[in-house]
Every structure is written in C-alpha cells, then in structure tokens.
Amino acid sequence: PIDKKELQAAVAKYEQIYQIEETNYQDKIK
C-alpha cells in the first residue's frame, strides 16, 4: 500500500525534473 510520505517524495522528484529538464525530456526518452 502506497505510503503518503513516499508519494510526496515522488511528486517532489517530478517537480524538480519539470523545472530542470522539461525542455529536453522527450529527447532523453527517445
């Protein structure tokens, strides 16, 4: 079962990625 603190940490990772890497994210995915 998903822990709230672990979910919060995962969402925080997303926010960091969005701020830093969003412009070239699709290139990295390819």
PDB file of all heavy atoms in Angstrom:
ATOM      1  N   PRO A   1       0.837  -1.204   0.000  1.00  0.00           N
ATOM      2  CA  PRO A   1       0.000   0.000   0.000  1.00  0.00           C
ATOM      3  C   PRO A   1       0.869   1.250   0.000  1.00  0.00           C
ATOM      4  O   PRO A   1       1.871   1.299   0.713  1.00  0.00           O
ATOM      5  CB  PRO A   1      -0.809  -0.136   1.295  1.00  0.00           C
ATOM      6  CG  PRO A   1       0.038  -0.977   2.179  1.00  0.00           C
ATOM      7  CD  PRO A   1       0.754  -1.938   1.296  1.00  0.00           C
ATOM      8  N   ILE A   2       0.493   2.230  -0.785  1.00  0.00           N
ATOM      9  CA  ILE A   2       1.337   3.398  -1.005  1.00  0.00           C
ATOM     10  C   ILE A   2       1.381   4.271   0.243  1.00  0.00           C
ATOM     11  O   ILE A   2       0.350   4.637   0.808  1.00  0.00           O
ATOM     12  CB  ILE A   2       0.835   4.192  -2.220  1.00  0.00           C
ATOM     13  CG1 ILE A   2       1.067   3.354  -3.486  1.00  0.00           C
ATOM     14  CG2 ILE A   2       1.557   5.524  -2.344  1.00  0.00           C
ATOM     15  CD1 ILE A   2       0.447   3.921  -4.710  1.00  0.00           C
ATOM     16  N   ASP A   3       2.608   4.597   0.645  1.00  0.00           N
ATOM     17  CA  ASP A   3       2.837   5.446   1.807  1.00  0.00           C
ATOM     18  C   ASP A   3       2.791   6.916   1.384  1.00  0.00           C
ATOM     19  O   ASP A   3       3.379   7.294   0.368  1.00  0.00           O
ATOM     20  CB  ASP A   3       4.201   5.108   2.419  1.00  0.00           C
ATOM     21  CG  ASP A   3       4.526   5.962   3.632  1.00  0.00           C
ATOM     22  OD1 ASP A   3       4.020   5.656   4.720  1.00  0.00           O
ATOM     23  OD2 ASP A   3       5.275   6.942   3.453  1.00  0.00           O
ATOM     24  N   LYS A   4       2.122   7.733   2.189  1.00  0.00           N
ATOM     25  CA  LYS A   4       1.934   9.141   1.828  1.00  0.00           C
ATOM     26  C   LYS A   4       3.260   9.879   1.712  1.00  0.00           C
ATOM     27  O   LYS A   4       3.461  10.680   0.795  1.00  0.00           O
ATOM     28  CB  LYS A   4       1.026   9.829   2.852  1.00  0.00           C
ATOM     29  CG  LYS A   4       0.679  11.259   2.498  1.00  0.00           C
ATOM     30  CD  LYS A   4      -0.324  11.848   3.483  1.00  0.00           C
ATOM     31  CE  LYS A   4      -0.657  13.294   3.138  1.00  0.00           C
ATOM     32  NZ  LYS A   4      -1.647  13.860   4.089  1.00  0.00           N
ATOM     33  N   LYS A   5       4.196   9.602   2.619  1.00  0.00           N
ATOM     34  CA  LYS A   5       5.488  10.289   2.573  1.00  0.00           C
ATOM     35  C   LYS A   5       6.279   9.878   1.327  1.00  0.00           C
ATOM     36  O   LYS A   5       6.952  10.717   0.711  1.00  0.00           O
ATOM     37  CB  LYS A   5       6.283   9.970   3.833  1.00  0.00           C
ATOM     38  CG  LYS A   5       5.729  10.632   5.096  1.00  0.00           C
ATOM     39  CD  LYS A   5       6.608  10.349   6.299  1.00  0.00           C
ATOM     40  CE  LYS A   5       6.062  11.032   7.541  1.00  0.00           C
ATOM     41  NZ  LYS A   5       6.909  10.756   8.739  1.00  0.00           N
ATOM     42  N   GLU A   6       6.198   8.607   0.971  1.00  0.00           N
ATOM     43  CA  GLU A   6       6.899   8.165  -0.238  1.00  0.00           C
ATOM     44  C   GLU A   6       6.278   8.779  -1.486  1.00  0.00           C
ATOM     45  O   GLU A   6       6.980   9.133  -2.432  1.00  0.00           O
ATOM     46  CB  GLU A   6       6.867   6.636  -0.321  1.00  0.00           C
ATOM     47  CG  GLU A   6       7.688   5.958   0.752  1.00  0.00           C
ATOM     48  CD  GLU A   6       7.658   4.440   0.644  1.00  0.00           C
ATOM     49  OE1 GLU A   6       6.922   3.924  -0.233  1.00  0.00           O
ATOM     50  OE2 GLU A   6       8.359   3.784   1.428  1.00  0.00           O
ATOM     51  N   LEU A   7       4.967   8.907  -1.482  1.00  0.00           N
ATOM     52  CA  LEU A   7       4.282   9.569  -2.598  1.00  0.00           C
ATOM     53  C   LEU A   7       4.694  11.033  -2.684  1.00  0.00           C
ATOM     54  O   LEU A   7       4.960  11.550  -3.780  1.00  0.00           O
ATOM     55  CB  LEU A   7       2.767   9.456  -2.420  1.00  0.00           C
ATOM     56  CG  LEU A   7       1.914  10.202  -3.441  1.00  0.00           C
ATOM     57  CD1 LEU A   7       2.140   9.653  -4.850  1.00  0.00           C
ATOM     58  CD2 LEU A   7       0.432  10.108  -3.080  1.00  0.00           C
ATOM     59  N   GLN A   8       4.766  11.691  -1.556  1.00  0.00           N
ATOM     60  CA  GLN A   8       5.169  13.104  -1.525  1.00  0.00           C
ATOM     61  C   GLN A   8       6.577  13.276  -2.075  1.00  0.00           C
ATOM     62  O   GLN A   8       6.854  14.216  -2.837  1.00  0.00           O
ATOM     63  CB  GLN A   8       5.095  13.622  -0.088  1.00  0.00           C
ATOM     64  CG  GLN A   8       5.195  15.136   0.036  1.00  0.00           C
ATOM     65  CD  GLN A   8       4.798  15.607   1.422  1.00  0.00           C
ATOM     66  OE1 GLN A   8       4.857  14.861   2.392  1.00  0.00           O
ATOM     67  NE2 GLN A   8       4.383  16.846   1.531  1.00  0.00           N
ATOM     68  N   ALA A   9       7.476  12.352  -1.713  1.00  0.00           N
ATOM     69  CA  ALA A   9       8.847  12.414  -2.222  1.00  0.00           C
ATOM     70  C   ALA A   9       8.880  12.196  -3.733  1.00  0.00           C
ATOM     71  O   ALA A   9       9.648  12.846  -4.457  1.00  0.00           O
ATOM     72  CB  ALA A   9       9.707  11.373  -1.516  1.00  0.00           C
ATOM     73  N   ALA A  10       8.039  11.280  -4.238  1.00  0.00           N
ATOM     74  CA  ALA A  10       7.985  11.020  -5.676  1.00  0.00           C
ATOM     75  C   ALA A  10       7.481  12.246  -6.433  1.00  0.00           C
ATOM     76  O   ALA A  10       8.010  12.597  -7.501  1.00  0.00           O
ATOM     77  CB  ALA A  10       7.080   9.818  -5.956  1.00  0.00           C
ATOM     78  N   VAL A  11       6.456  12.891  -5.906  1.00  0.00           N
ATOM     79  CA  VAL A  11       5.927  14.104  -6.546  1.00  0.00           C
ATOM     80  C   VAL A  11       6.979  15.209  -6.530  1.00  0.00           C
ATOM     81  O   VAL A  11       7.121  15.968  -7.504  1.00  0.00           O
ATOM     82  CB  VAL A  11       4.626  14.557  -5.855  1.00  0.00           C
ATOM     83  CG1 VAL A  11       4.192  15.932  -6.365  1.00  0.00           C
ATOM     84  CG2 VAL A  11       3.519  13.531  -6.078  1.00  0.00           C
ATOM     85  N   ALA A  12       7.741  15.307  -5.439  1.00  0.00           N
ATOM     86  CA  ALA A  12       8.814  16.308  -5.366  1.00  0.00           C
ATOM     87  C   ALA A  12       9.872  16.054  -6.430  1.00  0.00           C
ATOM     88  O   ALA A  12      10.403  16.994  -7.037  1.00  0.00           O
ATOM     89  CB  ALA A  12       9.439  16.300  -3.970  1.00  0.00           C
ATOM     90  N   LYS A  13      10.188  14.768  -6.687  1.00  0.00           N
ATOM     91  CA  LYS A  13      11.131  14.436  -7.759  1.00  0.00           C
ATOM     92  C   LYS A  13      10.608  14.942  -9.105  1.00  0.00           C
ATOM     93  O   LYS A  13      11.360  15.491  -9.916  1.00  0.00           O
ATOM     94  CB  LYS A  13      11.335  12.924  -7.832  1.00  0.00           C
ATOM     95  CG  LYS A  13      12.163  12.328  -6.727  1.00  0.00           C
ATOM     96  CD  LYS A  13      12.320  10.826  -6.977  1.00  0.00           C
ATOM     97  CE  LYS A  13      12.975  10.128  -5.819  1.00  0.00           C
ATOM     98  NZ  LYS A  13      13.076   8.666  -6.054  1.00  0.00           N
ATOM     99  N   TYR A  14       9.305  14.723  -9.324  1.00  0.00           N
ATOM    100  CA  TYR A  14       8.716  15.193 -10.580  1.00  0.00           C
ATOM    101  C   TYR A  14       8.880  16.703 -10.721  1.00  0.00           C
ATOM    102  O   TYR A  14       9.240  17.210 -11.799  1.00  0.00           O
ATOM    103  CB  TYR A  14       7.235  14.821 -10.665  1.00  0.00           C
ATOM    104  CG  TYR A  14       6.501  15.658 -11.674  1.00  0.00           C
ATOM    105  CD1 TYR A  14       6.687  15.446 -13.046  1.00  0.00           C
ATOM    106  CD2 TYR A  14       5.678  16.721 -11.278  1.00  0.00           C
ATOM    107  CE1 TYR A  14       6.068  16.245 -13.977  1.00  0.00           C
ATOM    108  CE2 TYR A  14       5.052  17.522 -12.211  1.00  0.00           C
ATOM    109  CZ  TYR A  14       5.242  17.277 -13.564  1.00  0.00           C
ATOM    110  OH  TYR A  14       4.635  18.083 -14.481  1.00  0.00           O
ATOM    111  N   GLU A  15       8.583  17.421  -9.655  1.00  0.00           N
ATOM    112  CA  GLU A  15       8.654  18.889  -9.725  1.00  0.00           C
ATOM    113  C   GLU A  15      10.066  19.355 -10.041  1.00  0.00           C
ATOM    114  O   GLU A  15      10.259  20.327 -10.793  1.00  0.00           O
ATOM    115  CB  GLU A  15       8.157  19.482  -8.406  1.00  0.00           C
ATOM    116  CG  GLU A  15       6.657  19.266  -8.200  1.00  0.00           C
ATOM    117  CD  GLU A  15       6.175  19.680  -6.826  1.00  0.00           C
ATOM    118  OE1 GLU A  15       7.035  19.891  -5.931  1.00  0.00           O
ATOM    119  OE2 GLU A  15       4.942  19.777  -6.631  1.00  0.00           O
ATOM    120  N   GLN A  16      11.077  18.675  -9.483  1.00  0.00           N
ATOM    121  CA  GLN A  16      12.465  19.030  -9.792  1.00  0.00           C
ATOM    122  C   GLN A  16      12.787  18.744 -11.260  1.00  0.00           C
ATOM    123  O   GLN A  16      13.418  19.563 -11.942  1.00  0.00           O
ATOM    124  CB  GLN A  16      13.416  18.249  -8.893  1.00  0.00           C
ATOM    125  CG  GLN A  16      13.350  18.654  -7.426  1.00  0.00           C
ATOM    126  CD  GLN A  16      14.235  17.791  -6.554  1.00  0.00           C
ATOM    127  OE1 GLN A  16      14.696  16.725  -6.973  1.00  0.00           O
ATOM    128  NE2 GLN A  16      14.469  18.229  -5.325  1.00  0.00           N
ATOM    129  N   ILE A  17      12.354  17.589 -11.724  1.00  0.00           N
ATOM    130  CA  ILE A  17      12.592  17.225 -13.129  1.00  0.00           C
ATOM    131  C   ILE A  17      11.922  18.229 -14.060  1.00  0.00           C
ATOM    132  O   ILE A  17      12.497  18.653 -15.064  1.00  0.00           O
ATOM    133  CB  ILE A  17      12.078  15.798 -13.399  1.00  0.00           C
ATOM    134  CG1 ILE A  17      12.944  14.778 -12.684  1.00  0.00           C
ATOM    135  CG2 ILE A  17      12.040  15.505 -14.909  1.00  0.00           C
ATOM    136  CD1 ILE A  17      12.399  13.368 -12.733  1.00  0.00           C
ATOM    137  N   TYR A  18      10.689  18.607 -13.724  1.00  0.00           N
ATOM    138  CA  TYR A  18       9.942  19.535 -14.568  1.00  0.00           C
ATOM    139  C   TYR A  18      10.676  20.872 -14.683  1.00  0.00           C
ATOM    140  O   TYR A  18      10.779  21.442 -15.766  1.00  0.00           O
ATOM    141  CB  TYR A  18       8.546  19.751 -13.991  1.00  0.00           C
ATOM    142  CG  TYR A  18       7.683  20.664 -14.829  1.00  0.00           C
ATOM    143  CD1 TYR A  18       6.984  20.171 -15.922  1.00  0.00           C
ATOM    144  CD2 TYR A  18       7.586  22.017 -14.530  1.00  0.00           C
ATOM    145  CE1 TYR A  18       6.205  20.996 -16.702  1.00  0.00           C
ATOM    146  CE2 TYR A  18       6.810  22.864 -15.302  1.00  0.00           C
ATOM    147  CZ  TYR A  18       6.114  22.341 -16.383  1.00  0.00           C
ATOM    148  OH  TYR A  18       5.345  23.171 -17.157  1.00  0.00           O
ATOM    149  N   GLN A  19      11.200  21.351 -13.571  1.00  0.00           N
ATOM    150  CA  GLN A  19      11.865  22.658 -13.562  1.00  0.00           C
ATOM    151  C   GLN A  19      13.190  22.626 -14.319  1.00  0.00           C
ATOM    152  O   GLN A  19      13.558  23.573 -14.996  1.00  0.00           O
ATOM    153  CB  GLN A  19      12.113  23.108 -12.115  1.00  0.00           C
ATOM    154  CG  GLN A  19      10.843  23.435 -11.353  1.00  0.00           C
ATOM    155  CD  GLN A  19      11.098  23.673  -9.881  1.00  0.00           C
ATOM    156  OE1 GLN A  19      12.235  23.609  -9.409  1.00  0.00           O
ATOM    157  NE2 GLN A  19      10.039  23.943  -9.144  1.00  0.00           N
ATOM    158  N   ILE A  20      13.902  21.491 -14.230  1.00  0.00           N
ATOM    159  CA  ILE A  20      15.269  21.447 -14.761  1.00  0.00           C
ATOM    160  C   ILE A  20      15.345  20.880 -16.181  1.00  0.00           C
ATOM    161  O   ILE A  20      16.070  21.381 -17.037  1.00  0.00           O
ATOM    162  CB  ILE A  20      16.170  20.609 -13.822  1.00  0.00           C
ATOM    163  CG1 ILE A  20      16.241  21.290 -12.451  1.00  0.00           C
ATOM    164  CG2 ILE A  20      17.570  20.439 -14.410  1.00  0.00           C
ATOM    165  CD1 ILE A  20      16.926  20.444 -11.389  1.00  0.00           C
ATOM    166  N   GLU A  21      14.552  19.830 -16.449  1.00  0.00           N
ATOM    167  CA  GLU A  21      14.787  19.055 -17.660  1.00  0.00           C
ATOM    168  C   GLU A  21      13.641  19.016 -18.649  1.00  0.00           C
ATOM    169  O   GLU A  21      13.736  18.313 -19.652  1.00  0.00           O
ATOM    170  CB  GLU A  21      15.127  17.598 -17.272  1.00  0.00           C
ATOM    171  CG  GLU A  21      16.379  17.485 -16.420  1.00  0.00           C
ATOM    172  CD  GLU A  21      16.710  16.049 -16.114  1.00  0.00           C
ATOM    173  OE1 GLU A  21      15.874  15.180 -16.443  1.00  0.00           O
ATOM    174  OE2 GLU A  21      17.790  15.791 -15.581  1.00  0.00           O
ATOM    175  N   GLU A  22      12.565  19.718 -18.431  1.00  0.00           N
ATOM    176  CA  GLU A  22      11.395  19.553 -19.289  1.00  0.00           C
ATOM    177  C   GLU A  22      11.673  19.848 -20.755  1.00  0.00           C
ATOM    178  O   GLU A  22      11.120  19.222 -21.649  1.00  0.00           O
ATOM    179  CB  GLU A  22      10.263  20.450 -18.787  1.00  0.00           C
ATOM    180  CG  GLU A  22       8.929  20.209 -19.478  1.00  0.00           C
ATOM    181  CD  GLU A  22       8.402  18.796 -19.263  1.00  0.00           C
ATOM    182  OE1 GLU A  22       8.760  18.170 -18.262  1.00  0.00           O
ATOM    183  OE2 GLU A  22       7.638  18.331 -20.121  1.00  0.00           O
ATOM    184  N   THR A  23      12.576  20.760 -21.037  1.00  0.00           N
ATOM    185  CA  THR A  23      12.812  21.148 -22.425  1.00  0.00           C
ATOM    186  C   THR A  23      13.399  20.021 -23.272  1.00  0.00           C
ATOM    187  O   THR A  23      13.137  19.922 -24.471  1.00  0.00           O
ATOM    188  CB  THR A  23      13.763  22.369 -22.489  1.00  0.00           C
ATOM    189  OG1 THR A  23      14.950  22.060 -21.765  1.00  0.00           O
ATOM    190  CG2 THR A  23      13.099  23.589 -21.875  1.00  0.00           C
ATOM    191  N   ASN A  24      14.211  19.176 -22.656  1.00  0.00           N
ATOM    192  CA  ASN A  24      14.819  18.101 -23.451  1.00  0.00           C
ATOM    193  C   ASN A  24      14.388  16.722 -22.985  1.00  0.00           C
ATOM    194  O   ASN A  24      15.042  15.722 -23.282  1.00  0.00           O
ATOM    195  CB  ASN A  24      16.348  18.203 -23.436  1.00  0.00           C
ATOM    196  CG  ASN A  24      16.923  18.017 -22.038  1.00  0.00           C
ATOM    197  OD1 ASN A  24      16.173  17.942 -21.064  1.00  0.00           O
ATOM    198  ND2 ASN A  24      18.239  17.956 -21.940  1.00  0.00           N
ATOM    199  N   TYR A  25      13.267  16.641 -22.290  1.00  0.00           N
ATOM    200  CA  TYR A  25      12.812  15.358 -21.745  1.00  0.00           C
ATOM    201  C   TYR A  25      12.511  14.347 -22.846  1.00  0.00           C
ATOM    202  O   TYR A  25      12.930  13.195 -22.780  1.00  0.00           O
ATOM    203  CB  TYR A  25      11.568  15.592 -20.882  1.00  0.00           C
ATOM    204  CG  TYR A  25      11.021  14.324 -20.257  1.00  0.00           C
ATOM    205  CD1 TYR A  25      11.678  13.726 -19.193  1.00  0.00           C
ATOM    206  CD2 TYR A  25       9.864  13.723 -20.753  1.00  0.00           C
ATOM    207  CE1 TYR A  25      11.195  12.562 -18.615  1.00  0.00           C
ATOM    208  CE2 TYR A  25       9.378  12.558 -20.180  1.00  0.00           C
ATOM    209  CZ  TYR A  25      10.049  11.988 -19.104  1.00  0.00           C
ATOM    210  OH  TYR A  25       9.559  10.839 -18.559  1.00  0.00           O
ATOM    211  N   GLN A  26      11.802  14.776 -23.879  1.00  0.00           N
ATOM    212  CA  GLN A  26      11.432  13.831 -24.939  1.00  0.00           C
ATOM    213  C   GLN A  26      12.647  13.295 -25.677  1.00  0.00           C
ATOM    214  O   GLN A  26      12.665  12.136 -26.098  1.00  0.00           O
ATOM    215  CB  GLN A  26      10.458  14.498 -25.916  1.00  0.00           C
ATOM    216  CG  GLN A  26       9.099  14.821 -25.319  1.00  0.00           C
ATOM    217  CD  GLN A  26       8.371  13.583 -24.828  1.00  0.00           C
ATOM    218  OE1 GLN A  26       8.613  12.487 -25.320  1.00  0.00           O
ATOM    219  NE2 GLN A  26       7.491  13.750 -23.861  1.00  0.00           N
ATOM    220  N   ASP A  27      13.683  14.114 -25.834  1.00  0.00           N
ATOM    221  CA  ASP A  27      14.903  13.626 -26.471  1.00  0.00           C
ATOM    222  C   ASP A  27      15.542  12.520 -25.644  1.00  0.00           C
ATOM    223  O   ASP A  27      16.041  11.523 -26.186  1.00  0.00           O
ATOM    224  CB  ASP A  27      15.907  14.769 -26.650  1.00  0.00           C
ATOM    225  CG  ASP A  27      15.449  15.757 -27.713  1.00  0.00           C
ATOM    226  OD1 ASP A  27      14.593  15.372 -28.543  1.00  0.00           O
ATOM    227  OD2 ASP A  27      15.933  16.902 -27.705  1.00  0.00           O
ATOM    228  N   LYS A  28      15.519  12.687 -24.322  1.00  0.00           N
ATOM    229  CA  LYS A  28      16.097  11.663 -23.443  1.00  0.00           C
ATOM    230  C   LYS A  28      15.274  10.386 -23.504  1.00  0.00           C
ATOM    231  O   LYS A  28      15.822   9.283 -23.471  1.00  0.00           O
ATOM    232  CB  LYS A  28      16.165  12.184 -22.003  1.00  0.00           C
ATOM    233  CG  LYS A  28      17.208  13.276 -21.803  1.00  0.00           C
ATOM    234  CD  LYS A  28      17.396  13.595 -20.337  1.00  0.00           C
ATOM    235  CE  LYS A  28      18.535  14.597 -20.159  1.00  0.00           C
ATOM    236  NZ  LYS A  28      18.789  14.885 -18.721  1.00  0.00           N
ATOM    237  N   ILE A  29      13.969  10.529 -23.583  1.00  0.00           N
ATOM    238  CA  ILE A  29      13.097   9.352 -23.666  1.00  0.00           C
ATOM    239  C   ILE A  29      13.402   8.555 -24.938  1.00  0.00           C
ATOM    240  O   ILE A  29      13.506   7.334 -24.917  1.00  0.00           O
ATOM    241  CB  ILE A  29      11.617   9.770 -23.652  1.00  0.00           C
ATOM    242  CG1 ILE A  29      11.224  10.266 -22.263  1.00  0.00           C
ATOM    243  CG2 ILE A  29      10.705   8.618 -24.060  1.00  0.00           C
ATOM    244  CD1 ILE A  29      11.272   9.185 -21.201  1.00  0.00           C
ATOM    245  N   LYS A  30      13.559   9.242 -26.069  1.00  0.00           N
ATOM    246  CA  LYS A  30      13.843   8.555 -27.324  1.00  0.00           C
ATOM    247  C   LYS A  30      15.170   7.809 -27.247  1.00  0.00           C
ATOM    248  O   LYS A  30      15.291   6.673 -27.707  1.00  0.00           O
ATOM    249  CB  LYS A  30      13.857   9.556 -28.474  1.00  0.00           C
ATOM    250  CG  LYS A  30      12.475  10.095 -28.829  1.00  0.00           C
ATOM    251  CD  LYS A  30      12.564  11.100 -29.961  1.00  0.00           C
ATOM    252  CE  LYS A  30      11.178  11.658 -30.302  1.00  0.00           C
ATOM    253  NZ  LYS A  30      11.253  12.672 -31.382  1.00  0.00           N
TER     254      LYS A  30
END
